[in-house]
Amino acid sequence: MKTWNGEETVADFVFDEDIYKLIVDQLDVAVITDQEGRYVHVTKSWEEYYGLQLKDIKGKFVREVFPTTKIHEALKTKESFIGVPAPLVNEKQEQGWCSYIPIIKEGQVVAGFIHVLFHSEKTAVAFSRRLNAMMDELNYYKQEVKQLRKSKYSIDDIIGESPLIGRLKEQIQRAAKSSSTVLIEGETGSGKELVAHSIHDLSQRAYKPLIKINCAAIPAELFESELFGYEYGAFTGADKKGKKGKFEMASGGSLFLDEINQMPLILQPKLLRALQESEIERIGGKESIPVDIRLIAASNTSLEKMVSSNAFRSDLFYRLNVLSIRIPALRERTEDIPLLVDSMIEKFNFQLGLNVQGIQPQVLQRFGEYDWPGNIRELQNVVERGMNMALTGMLEWKHFDEYFQNKALRRLGRTAEKGSLLIRQAKKNLEKEILLESLAKYGDNKTQCAREMGISRTLLYKKMKEYGIKQ
């Protein structure tokens, strides 16, 4: 057994010199130094490249032979230097690229390593080919993994051609390109989970897991263990092996917290810390565990209003509300109902073994006169209900009449012309009154006003012009 330079006083890192030489010699142009930066071993190809012999330089400082070397700086700072142009002995040599790497054991530098790549065009081409082949193989397996872990939904499952849906899809695609936290707000049944899946599916994390937690479905006393996991003995009945929490399970991928407005206040600081520090602690654990997740949160009520009423922490709200997406209610995009219904008929024909051919236009017209408080989920329920009554043929109003008997339809399309004008005018008067109140409330802050009314700033200015409200 010998030390790096064959002397017992140079370093305390002992190894079998013959074996290590065989390993290093496979690396082509390479050098080993001691912890002070003296030559200990060089490969045969290094000797050929530089025209020097190990016997002539062994024990010398590298900087004595090549003054521009970075190995001494690497040993001093304990940091590697990668891709540094290699020193040349003559102009005929091919340019190489050096990596200077300190070898560290138990916090102390015990040796240095220098590796030169691409000392010839032939080597560079061969390396490039191997690298390209490896990247092709890696991309293939990434796609395989993505298929195995594929999101339940994708952006193609968002049905509609209205301007609101077009804008929603643009927001999803923009959010997918970022790794920032996303807050999705929308009424119950509007499709928040579908949007979350679409963001994950389009992101760089698509081949990693998307883990979902419904905050309203977990008892408060179990919430922390579900999020962060626990160690053995953390509480009575704890699994002997401990348990990973959803944060750890989602590491590398995305974590979807649905109905985050239902998260207990007592746990909100812990969630905030996990997001800020990118680490968690299991219940009963003593060490912090690093996690790499992209958080997507959803709420069926305005978190900003909850903050103002002290029902949700403001610091967590600001951490969540980096990228904000509002899903329009179905009543705001009734022009999409025909496409949605066609898609649902096709889906339920397949799932239920039915043979419904379509739906009559007058039924779709009446669907457009209903407010759909349950949004897409309610429409889906109604279509499935009607199809089970019809079984085959065309869907008619008689298949839905019972459902709508006790529900108010907006019969604007079938009222007298005078009545229609009165209703439209009343609606405009109410809208103008709400707009004036909002502007007064926020001191003419158009952004806050638009957010409260659930419309864009552009539409806000259009409404102000329509109602003659001066800025």
Protein backbone atom coordinates (compact mmCIF):
# COMPACT_ATOMS: atom_id res chain seq x y z
CA MET A 1 0.00 0.00 0.00
CA LYS A 2 1.35 3.42 -0.90
CA THR A 3 0.22 7.04 -0.69
CA TRP A 4 -0.38 9.31 -3.67
CA ASN A 5 3.34 9.90 -4.34
CA GLY A 6 4.65 6.76 -2.68
CA GLU A 7 5.64 8.62 0.51
CA GLU A 8 3.82 8.23 3.81
CA THR A 9 4.01 11.98 4.63
CA VAL A 10 2.17 13.52 1.69
CA ALA A 11 -1.42 12.47 2.43
CA ASP A 12 -3.43 10.11 4.57
CA PHE A 13 -5.51 8.82 1.66
CA VAL A 14 -4.14 5.33 0.95
CA PHE A 15 -4.89 3.25 -2.14
CA ASP A 16 -3.59 0.44 -4.30
CA GLU A 17 -1.58 2.40 -6.83
CA ASP A 18 -1.68 -0.20 -9.61
CA ILE A 19 -5.49 -0.45 -9.56
CA TYR A 20 -5.98 3.30 -9.49
CA LYS A 21 -3.54 3.79 -12.33
CA LEU A 22 -5.47 1.30 -14.45
CA ILE A 23 -8.70 3.21 -13.74
CA VAL A 24 -7.23 6.64 -14.46
CA ASP A 25 -5.50 5.44 -17.63
CA GLN A 26 -8.93 4.64 -19.09
CA LEU A 27 -9.77 8.34 -18.92
CA ASP A 28 -7.34 9.25 -21.70
CA VAL A 29 -5.58 12.57 -20.98
CA ALA A 30 -5.61 12.80 -17.18
CA VAL A 31 -3.46 13.85 -14.21
CA ILE A 32 -3.50 13.12 -10.48
CA THR A 33 -1.88 15.56 -8.03
CA ASP A 34 -1.42 15.59 -4.28
CA GLN A 35 -3.29 18.02 -2.07
CA GLU A 36 -0.70 20.72 -2.72
CA GLY A 37 -0.88 20.48 -6.50
CA ARG A 38 2.22 18.36 -7.19
CA TYR A 39 2.28 15.77 -9.99
CA VAL A 40 1.68 12.22 -8.75
CA HIS A 41 0.54 10.38 -11.89
CA VAL A 42 -0.19 11.14 -15.55
CA THR A 43 -1.63 8.87 -18.24
CA LYS A 44 0.32 7.67 -21.28
CA SER A 45 -1.91 9.72 -23.57
CA TRP A 46 -1.09 12.81 -21.49
CA GLU A 47 2.61 12.15 -22.00
CA GLU A 48 2.06 11.78 -25.75
CA TYR A 49 -0.10 14.92 -25.93
CA TYR A 50 2.34 17.16 -24.07
CA GLY A 51 5.59 15.40 -24.95
CA LEU A 52 6.59 15.09 -21.28
CA GLN A 53 7.50 12.10 -19.13
CA LEU A 54 6.15 11.45 -15.63
CA LYS A 55 9.67 10.69 -14.36
CA ASP A 56 10.73 14.23 -15.30
CA ILE A 57 7.86 16.07 -13.58
CA LYS A 58 6.77 13.83 -10.68
CA GLY A 59 6.81 15.84 -7.44
CA LYS A 60 6.82 19.20 -9.25
CA PHE A 61 4.01 21.72 -8.82
CA VAL A 62 1.72 21.79 -11.85
CA ARG A 63 2.02 25.58 -12.05
CA GLU A 64 5.80 25.17 -12.56
CA VAL A 65 5.07 23.29 -15.78
CA PHE A 66 1.88 25.11 -16.85
CA PRO A 67 1.58 28.56 -15.21
CA THR A 68 -2.02 29.02 -16.44
CA THR A 69 -3.34 25.90 -14.67
CA LYS A 70 -6.40 26.18 -12.43
CA ILE A 71 -5.69 23.13 -10.26
CA HIS A 72 -4.13 25.14 -7.43
CA GLU A 73 -7.15 27.45 -7.34
CA ALA A 74 -9.48 24.43 -7.32
CA LEU A 75 -7.57 22.84 -4.40
CA LYS A 76 -7.62 26.09 -2.44
CA THR A 77 -11.32 26.92 -2.96
CA LYS A 78 -12.53 23.28 -2.99
CA GLU A 79 -14.48 24.12 -6.15
CA SER A 80 -14.23 22.48 -9.57
CA PHE A 81 -13.42 24.38 -12.75
CA ILE A 82 -15.01 22.81 -15.83
CA GLY A 83 -14.47 23.58 -19.52
CA VAL A 84 -11.25 25.63 -19.18
CA PRO A 85 -9.12 25.75 -22.36
CA ALA A 86 -6.21 23.36 -21.92
CA PRO A 87 -2.68 24.79 -22.09
CA LEU A 88 -0.98 24.10 -25.44
CA VAL A 89 2.67 23.24 -26.01
CA ASN A 90 2.66 24.18 -29.72
CA GLU A 91 0.32 25.63 -32.32
CA LYS A 92 -0.21 22.29 -34.08
CA GLN A 93 -2.04 20.75 -31.15
CA GLU A 94 -5.82 20.39 -31.18
CA GLN A 95 -7.47 22.57 -28.54
CA GLY A 96 -8.50 20.61 -25.47
CA TRP A 97 -10.77 21.49 -22.57
CA CYS A 98 -9.74 20.91 -18.98
CA SER A 99 -11.68 19.98 -15.87
CA TYR A 100 -9.88 20.76 -12.59
CA ILE A 101 -11.46 18.82 -9.73
CA PRO A 102 -10.46 18.78 -6.03
CA ILE A 103 -10.81 15.34 -4.39
CA ILE A 104 -12.36 15.84 -0.94
CA LYS A 105 -12.61 13.37 1.92
CA GLU A 106 -14.35 14.24 5.18
CA GLY A 107 -14.23 17.92 4.28
CA GLN A 108 -10.49 17.98 3.54
CA VAL A 109 -8.73 18.16 0.17
CA VAL A 110 -6.66 14.99 -0.27
CA ALA A 111 -5.79 15.14 -3.98
CA GLY A 112 -6.42 16.87 -7.28
CA PHE A 113 -7.63 15.57 -10.63
CA ILE A 114 -7.17 17.08 -14.09
CA HIS A 115 -8.96 15.69 -17.14
CA VAL A 116 -8.61 16.93 -20.72
CA LEU A 117 -11.40 16.27 -23.25
CA PHE A 118 -11.31 16.55 -27.05
CA HIS A 119 -7.54 16.53 -27.45
CA SER A 120 -8.19 15.48 -31.05
CA GLU A 121 -10.98 15.88 -33.62
CA LYS A 122 -11.43 12.12 -33.75
CA THR A 123 -12.02 11.94 -30.00
CA ALA A 124 -14.41 14.89 -30.12
CA VAL A 125 -16.53 13.33 -32.87
CA ALA A 126 -16.64 9.95 -31.11
CA PHE A 127 -17.61 11.59 -27.83
CA SER A 128 -20.29 13.66 -29.57
CA ARG A 129 -21.78 10.56 -31.17
CA ARG A 130 -21.85 8.70 -27.87
CA LEU A 131 -23.44 11.70 -26.16
CA ASN A 132 -26.12 12.06 -28.85
CA ALA A 133 -26.94 8.37 -28.64
CA MET A 134 -27.25 8.62 -24.86
CA MET A 135 -29.52 11.69 -25.16
CA ASP A 136 -31.75 9.91 -27.69
CA GLU A 137 -32.03 6.95 -25.34
CA LEU A 138 -32.72 9.24 -22.38
CA ASN A 139 -35.49 11.10 -24.26
CA TYR A 140 -37.04 7.77 -25.27
CA TYR A 141 -37.20 6.58 -21.68
CA LYS A 142 -38.52 9.97 -20.55
CA GLN A 143 -41.42 9.59 -22.97
CA GLU A 144 -42.03 6.05 -21.73
CA VAL A 145 -42.10 7.25 -18.13
CA LYS A 146 -44.39 10.15 -19.10
CA GLN A 147 -46.85 7.68 -20.64
CA LEU A 148 -46.80 5.53 -17.51
CA ARG A 149 -47.35 8.54 -15.26
CA LYS A 150 -49.52 10.44 -17.71
CA SER A 151 -51.83 13.06 -16.28
CA LYS A 152 -55.48 12.07 -16.15
CA TYR A 153 -56.38 15.12 -18.27
CA SER A 154 -54.65 17.33 -20.81
CA ILE A 155 -55.36 20.72 -22.38
CA ASP A 156 -57.17 18.91 -25.21
CA ASP A 157 -59.84 17.89 -22.70
CA ILE A 158 -60.81 21.54 -22.19
CA ILE A 159 -63.77 21.86 -24.55
CA GLY A 160 -64.82 25.21 -25.96
CA GLU A 161 -64.08 27.84 -28.59
CA SER A 162 -65.25 30.95 -26.73
CA PRO A 163 -62.80 33.85 -26.17
CA LEU A 164 -62.76 33.04 -22.44
CA ILE A 165 -61.63 29.46 -23.10
CA GLY A 166 -59.05 30.69 -25.59
CA ARG A 167 -57.61 33.00 -22.95
CA LEU A 168 -57.70 30.19 -20.36
CA LYS A 169 -55.66 27.90 -22.61
CA GLU A 170 -53.12 30.68 -23.18
CA GLN A 171 -52.75 31.09 -19.41
CA ILE A 172 -52.27 27.33 -18.97
CA GLN A 173 -49.54 27.20 -21.62
CA ARG A 174 -47.81 30.22 -20.08
CA ALA A 175 -47.94 28.69 -16.60
CA ALA A 176 -46.57 25.37 -17.89
CA LYS A 177 -43.37 27.09 -19.05
CA SER A 178 -42.67 28.35 -15.53
CA SER A 179 -41.92 26.56 -12.27
CA SER A 180 -43.65 29.19 -10.12
CA THR A 181 -46.62 28.44 -7.89
CA VAL A 182 -50.02 28.63 -9.59
CA LEU A 183 -53.31 29.60 -7.91
CA ILE A 184 -56.44 28.45 -9.75
CA GLU A 185 -59.73 30.03 -8.69
CA GLY A 186 -63.14 29.04 -9.97
CA GLU A 187 -66.58 27.95 -8.86
CA THR A 188 -67.31 24.37 -7.87
CA GLY A 189 -67.56 22.13 -10.93
CA SER A 190 -65.84 24.59 -13.29
CA GLY A 191 -62.86 22.33 -14.02
CA LYS A 192 -60.04 23.35 -11.65
CA GLU A 193 -58.57 19.84 -11.53
CA LEU A 194 -58.59 19.63 -15.32
CA VAL A 195 -56.59 22.87 -15.50
CA ALA A 196 -54.09 21.63 -12.90
CA HIS A 197 -53.52 18.39 -14.84
CA SER A 198 -53.10 20.35 -18.07
CA ILE A 199 -50.41 22.57 -16.55
CA HIS A 200 -48.48 19.56 -15.28
CA ASP A 201 -48.88 17.66 -18.56
CA LEU A 202 -47.38 20.55 -20.58
CA SER A 203 -44.54 21.25 -18.15
CA GLN A 204 -40.98 19.91 -17.95
CA ARG A 205 -42.14 17.86 -14.95
CA ALA A 206 -44.65 15.84 -17.01
CA TYR A 207 -42.64 12.61 -16.67
CA LYS A 208 -42.66 12.98 -12.88
CA PRO A 209 -45.70 12.37 -10.64
CA LEU A 210 -48.63 14.72 -10.10
CA ILE A 211 -49.81 14.16 -6.53
CA LYS A 212 -53.25 15.47 -5.52
CA ILE A 213 -54.66 16.32 -2.10
CA ASN A 214 -58.23 17.46 -1.55
CA CYS A 215 -57.87 19.70 1.50
CA ALA A 216 -61.60 19.47 2.27
CA ALA A 217 -61.53 15.67 2.46
CA ILE A 218 -58.77 15.23 5.07
CA PRO A 219 -59.52 15.52 8.82
CA ALA A 220 -57.56 18.35 10.43
CA GLU A 221 -55.74 15.98 12.82
CA LEU A 222 -54.40 13.92 9.88
CA PHE A 223 -53.53 16.78 7.58
CA GLU A 224 -49.93 17.31 8.70
CA SER A 225 -49.00 13.63 8.39
CA GLU A 226 -50.58 13.49 4.93
CA LEU A 227 -48.54 16.47 3.75
CA PHE A 228 -45.21 15.85 5.46
CA GLY A 229 -45.24 12.19 6.53
CA TYR A 230 -44.02 10.79 9.85
CA GLU A 231 -41.27 8.70 11.46
CA TYR A 232 -41.75 5.52 13.46
CA GLY A 233 -43.01 6.25 16.96
CA ALA A 234 -44.29 9.72 16.06
CA PHE A 235 -47.69 8.80 17.47
CA THR A 236 -49.71 5.77 18.55
CA GLY A 237 -50.42 3.49 15.61
CA ALA A 238 -47.67 4.93 13.41
CA ASP A 239 -46.30 2.50 10.84
CA LYS A 240 -43.01 0.93 11.94
CA LYS A 241 -41.38 1.95 8.67
CA GLY A 242 -42.62 5.51 8.90
CA LYS A 243 -44.45 7.08 5.97
CA LYS A 244 -43.66 9.50 3.18
CA GLY A 245 -45.89 12.54 2.93
CA LYS A 246 -47.33 13.93 -0.29
CA PHE A 247 -44.49 16.46 -0.53
CA GLU A 248 -41.89 13.70 -0.74
CA MET A 249 -44.03 11.64 -3.10
CA ALA A 250 -44.33 14.62 -5.45
CA SER A 251 -40.63 15.54 -5.36
CA GLY A 252 -39.46 16.24 -8.90
CA GLY A 253 -43.05 16.63 -10.05
CA SER A 254 -46.11 18.68 -9.08
CA LEU A 255 -48.27 18.82 -5.96
CA PHE A 256 -51.91 19.82 -6.46
CA LEU A 257 -53.69 21.14 -3.36
CA ASP A 258 -57.38 21.26 -4.28
CA GLU A 259 -59.77 23.39 -2.20
CA ILE A 260 -56.83 24.94 -0.37
CA ASN A 261 -59.28 27.41 1.15
CA GLN A 262 -60.26 24.51 3.46
CA MET A 263 -56.72 24.09 4.83
CA PRO A 264 -56.66 24.54 8.66
CA LEU A 265 -55.12 27.85 9.72
CA ILE A 266 -52.75 26.09 12.12
CA LEU A 267 -51.06 24.24 9.22
CA GLN A 268 -50.72 27.20 6.89
CA PRO A 269 -47.38 28.43 8.40
CA LYS A 270 -45.87 24.97 7.92
CA LEU A 271 -46.94 24.90 4.30
CA LEU A 272 -45.48 28.38 3.81
CA ARG A 273 -42.14 27.29 5.29
CA ALA A 274 -42.01 24.20 3.08
CA LEU A 275 -42.56 26.38 -0.01
CA GLN A 276 -40.04 29.03 1.06
CA GLU A 277 -37.26 26.64 2.11
CA SER A 278 -37.95 23.77 -0.32
CA GLU A 279 -37.64 21.33 2.56
CA ILE A 280 -39.93 19.55 5.00
CA GLU A 281 -39.71 17.73 8.31
CA ARG A 282 -41.63 14.57 9.00
CA ILE A 283 -43.65 14.38 12.20
CA GLY A 284 -41.27 12.99 14.82
CA GLY A 285 -38.29 13.53 12.52
CA LYS A 286 -35.09 15.36 13.43
CA GLU A 287 -33.74 16.15 9.98
CA SER A 288 -34.94 18.40 7.19
CA ILE A 289 -35.68 16.64 3.91
CA PRO A 290 -35.11 18.62 0.69
CA VAL A 291 -38.00 18.50 -1.79
CA ASP A 292 -38.33 19.76 -5.34
CA ILE A 293 -41.98 20.34 -6.15
CA ARG A 294 -44.09 22.67 -8.25
CA LEU A 295 -47.19 23.63 -6.26
CA ILE A 296 -50.55 24.11 -7.95
CA ALA A 297 -53.32 25.26 -5.61
CA ALA A 298 -57.04 25.61 -6.31
CA SER A 299 -59.85 27.37 -4.46
CA ASN A 300 -63.60 27.59 -5.09
CA THR A 301 -63.77 30.92 -3.29
CA SER A 302 -61.71 34.11 -3.40
CA LEU A 303 -58.65 33.72 -1.15
CA GLU A 304 -58.16 37.47 -1.26
CA LYS A 305 -61.56 37.97 0.37
CA MET A 306 -60.72 35.27 2.91
CA VAL A 307 -57.51 37.15 3.77
CA SER A 308 -59.47 40.36 4.36
CA SER A 309 -61.74 38.48 6.79
CA ASN A 310 -58.76 36.80 8.53
CA ALA A 311 -59.90 33.35 7.35
CA PHE A 312 -56.66 32.76 5.40
CA ARG A 313 -53.08 33.86 6.06
CA SER A 314 -51.98 36.78 3.91
CA ASP A 315 -48.32 35.64 3.70
CA LEU A 316 -49.35 32.24 2.35
CA PHE A 317 -51.80 33.85 -0.09
CA TYR A 318 -49.04 36.04 -1.55
CA ARG A 319 -46.75 33.01 -1.84
CA LEU A 320 -49.46 31.06 -3.67
CA ASN A 321 -50.68 33.88 -5.89
CA VAL A 322 -47.59 34.11 -8.12
CA LEU A 323 -49.37 32.95 -11.25
CA SER A 324 -53.15 33.35 -11.07
CA ILE A 325 -55.72 31.63 -13.29
CA ARG A 326 -59.46 32.27 -13.02
CA ILE A 327 -61.74 29.69 -14.63
CA PRO A 328 -64.88 31.22 -16.13
CA ALA A 329 -68.23 29.88 -14.96
CA LEU A 330 -70.35 28.05 -17.53
CA ARG A 331 -72.97 30.82 -17.52
CA GLU A 332 -70.23 33.19 -18.78
CA ARG A 333 -69.57 31.05 -21.85
CA THR A 334 -72.90 29.51 -22.80
CA GLU A 335 -71.78 29.52 -26.46
CA ASP A 336 -69.60 26.53 -25.56
CA ILE A 337 -72.55 24.40 -24.38
CA PRO A 338 -73.24 22.72 -27.79
CA LEU A 339 -69.61 21.55 -28.05
CA LEU A 340 -69.62 20.37 -24.43
CA VAL A 341 -72.85 18.44 -24.89
CA ASP A 342 -71.59 16.75 -28.09
CA SER A 343 -68.45 15.66 -26.26
CA MET A 344 -70.48 14.32 -23.33
CA ILE A 345 -72.85 12.38 -25.60
CA GLU A 346 -69.89 10.68 -27.28
CA LYS A 347 -68.33 9.89 -23.90
CA PHE A 348 -71.47 8.44 -22.30
CA ASN A 349 -72.41 6.44 -25.41
CA PHE A 350 -69.09 4.66 -25.01
CA GLN A 351 -69.18 4.32 -21.22
CA LEU A 352 -72.84 3.32 -20.87
CA GLY A 353 -73.29 1.38 -24.08
CA LEU A 354 -76.01 3.73 -25.38
CA ASN A 355 -76.83 4.91 -28.91
CA VAL A 356 -77.91 8.54 -28.57
CA GLN A 357 -77.55 10.32 -31.91
CA GLY A 358 -77.58 13.92 -30.75
CA ILE A 359 -79.66 16.67 -29.15
CA GLN A 360 -82.40 18.91 -30.54
CA PRO A 361 -81.49 22.61 -31.07
CA GLN A 362 -84.37 23.90 -28.91
CA VAL A 363 -82.96 21.90 -25.96
CA LEU A 364 -79.59 23.59 -26.40
CA GLN A 365 -81.38 26.94 -26.55
CA ARG A 366 -83.03 26.27 -23.19
CA PHE A 367 -79.71 25.08 -21.75
CA GLY A 368 -78.36 28.52 -22.65
CA GLU A 369 -81.13 30.15 -20.58
CA TYR A 370 -80.09 28.39 -17.38
CA ASP A 371 -77.44 29.72 -14.97
CA TRP A 372 -75.75 26.34 -14.25
CA PRO A 373 -74.68 26.98 -10.64
CA GLY A 374 -72.96 23.56 -10.69
CA ASN A 375 -71.11 24.47 -13.90
CA ILE A 376 -69.63 21.69 -16.09
CA ARG A 377 -70.26 19.05 -13.45
CA GLU A 378 -73.97 19.90 -13.36
CA LEU A 379 -74.23 19.94 -17.16
CA GLN A 380 -72.55 16.54 -17.30
CA ASN A 381 -74.99 15.17 -14.73
CA VAL A 382 -77.98 16.52 -16.67
CA VAL A 383 -76.77 15.10 -20.00
CA GLU A 384 -76.09 11.67 -18.48
CA ARG A 385 -79.52 11.75 -16.83
CA GLY A 386 -81.24 12.59 -20.14
CA MET A 387 -79.32 9.94 -22.06
CA ASN A 388 -80.35 7.25 -19.58
CA MET A 389 -83.97 8.25 -20.20
CA ALA A 390 -83.66 8.33 -23.99
CA LEU A 391 -81.28 5.35 -24.48
CA THR A 392 -81.28 5.98 -28.25
CA GLY A 393 -82.29 8.55 -30.88
CA MET A 394 -82.27 12.33 -30.31
CA LEU A 395 -82.38 14.00 -26.91
CA GLU A 396 -85.58 16.07 -26.55
CA TRP A 397 -86.81 18.48 -23.90
CA LYS A 398 -89.04 15.78 -22.41
CA HIS A 399 -85.87 13.98 -21.29
CA PHE A 400 -84.88 17.03 -19.19
CA ASP A 401 -88.19 18.67 -18.28
CA GLU A 402 -88.48 16.94 -14.90
CA TYR A 403 -85.03 18.17 -13.85
CA PHE A 404 -85.78 21.80 -14.75
CA GLN A 405 -89.35 21.95 -13.38
CA ASN A 406 -88.27 23.59 -10.13
CA LYS A 407 -85.38 25.58 -11.59
CA ALA A 408 -85.57 29.08 -12.99
CA LEU A 409 -84.70 29.51 -16.65
CA ARG A 410 -83.74 32.92 -17.97
CA ARG A 411 -86.51 33.23 -20.54
CA LEU A 412 -85.18 36.37 -22.21
CA GLY A 413 -85.42 34.76 -25.61
CA ARG A 414 -89.14 34.03 -25.27
CA THR A 415 -90.49 37.12 -23.48
CA ALA A 416 -92.23 39.98 -25.19
CA GLU A 417 -89.92 42.53 -26.82
CA LYS A 418 -90.86 45.22 -24.30
CA GLY A 419 -90.17 42.93 -21.39
CA SER A 420 -86.83 42.01 -22.87
CA LEU A 421 -85.82 45.66 -23.16
CA LEU A 422 -86.83 46.34 -19.56
CA ILE A 423 -84.77 43.39 -18.30
CA ARG A 424 -81.71 44.39 -20.33
CA GLN A 425 -81.97 47.97 -19.08
CA ALA A 426 -82.31 46.79 -15.48
CA LYS A 427 -79.25 44.63 -15.95
CA LYS A 428 -77.24 47.57 -17.32
CA ASN A 429 -78.37 49.83 -14.48
CA LEU A 430 -77.31 47.25 -11.92
CA GLU A 431 -73.97 46.70 -13.66
CA LYS A 432 -73.27 50.45 -13.73
CA GLU A 433 -74.14 50.77 -10.04
CA ILE A 434 -71.79 47.91 -9.10
CA LEU A 435 -69.02 49.42 -11.22
CA LEU A 436 -69.38 52.85 -9.56
CA GLU A 437 -69.33 51.28 -6.10
CA SER A 438 -66.21 49.29 -6.92
CA LEU A 439 -64.39 52.34 -8.30
CA ALA A 440 -65.27 54.30 -5.19
CA LYS A 441 -64.18 51.45 -2.94
CA TYR A 442 -60.72 51.14 -4.49
CA GLY A 443 -60.05 54.81 -5.13
CA ASP A 444 -60.08 54.42 -8.90
CA ASN A 445 -57.57 51.51 -8.76
CA LYS A 446 -58.59 49.81 -12.00
CA THR A 447 -56.66 46.60 -11.35
CA GLN A 448 -58.36 45.98 -7.99
CA CYS A 449 -61.73 46.96 -9.40
CA ALA A 450 -61.42 44.58 -12.37
CA ARG A 451 -60.30 41.74 -10.09
CA GLU A 452 -63.30 42.22 -7.78
CA MET A 453 -65.72 42.24 -10.69
CA GLY A 454 -64.07 39.19 -12.30
CA ILE A 455 -63.32 40.92 -15.60
CA SER A 456 -60.19 42.10 -17.43
CA ARG A 457 -58.92 45.69 -17.29
CA THR A 458 -59.69 46.04 -21.00
CA LEU A 459 -63.33 45.07 -20.45
CA LEU A 460 -63.46 47.38 -17.42
CA TYR A 461 -62.45 50.38 -19.54
CA LYS A 462 -64.96 49.34 -22.20
CA LYS A 463 -67.75 49.26 -19.58
CA MET A 464 -66.70 52.66 -18.20
CA LYS A 465 -66.88 54.13 -21.71
CA GLU A 466 -70.23 52.45 -22.33
CA TYR A 467 -71.75 53.94 -19.15
CA GLY A 468 -70.10 57.35 -19.56
CA ILE A 469 -67.92 57.02 -16.47
CA LYS A 470 -64.90 59.28 -16.73
CA GLN A 471 -61.50 58.10 -15.50
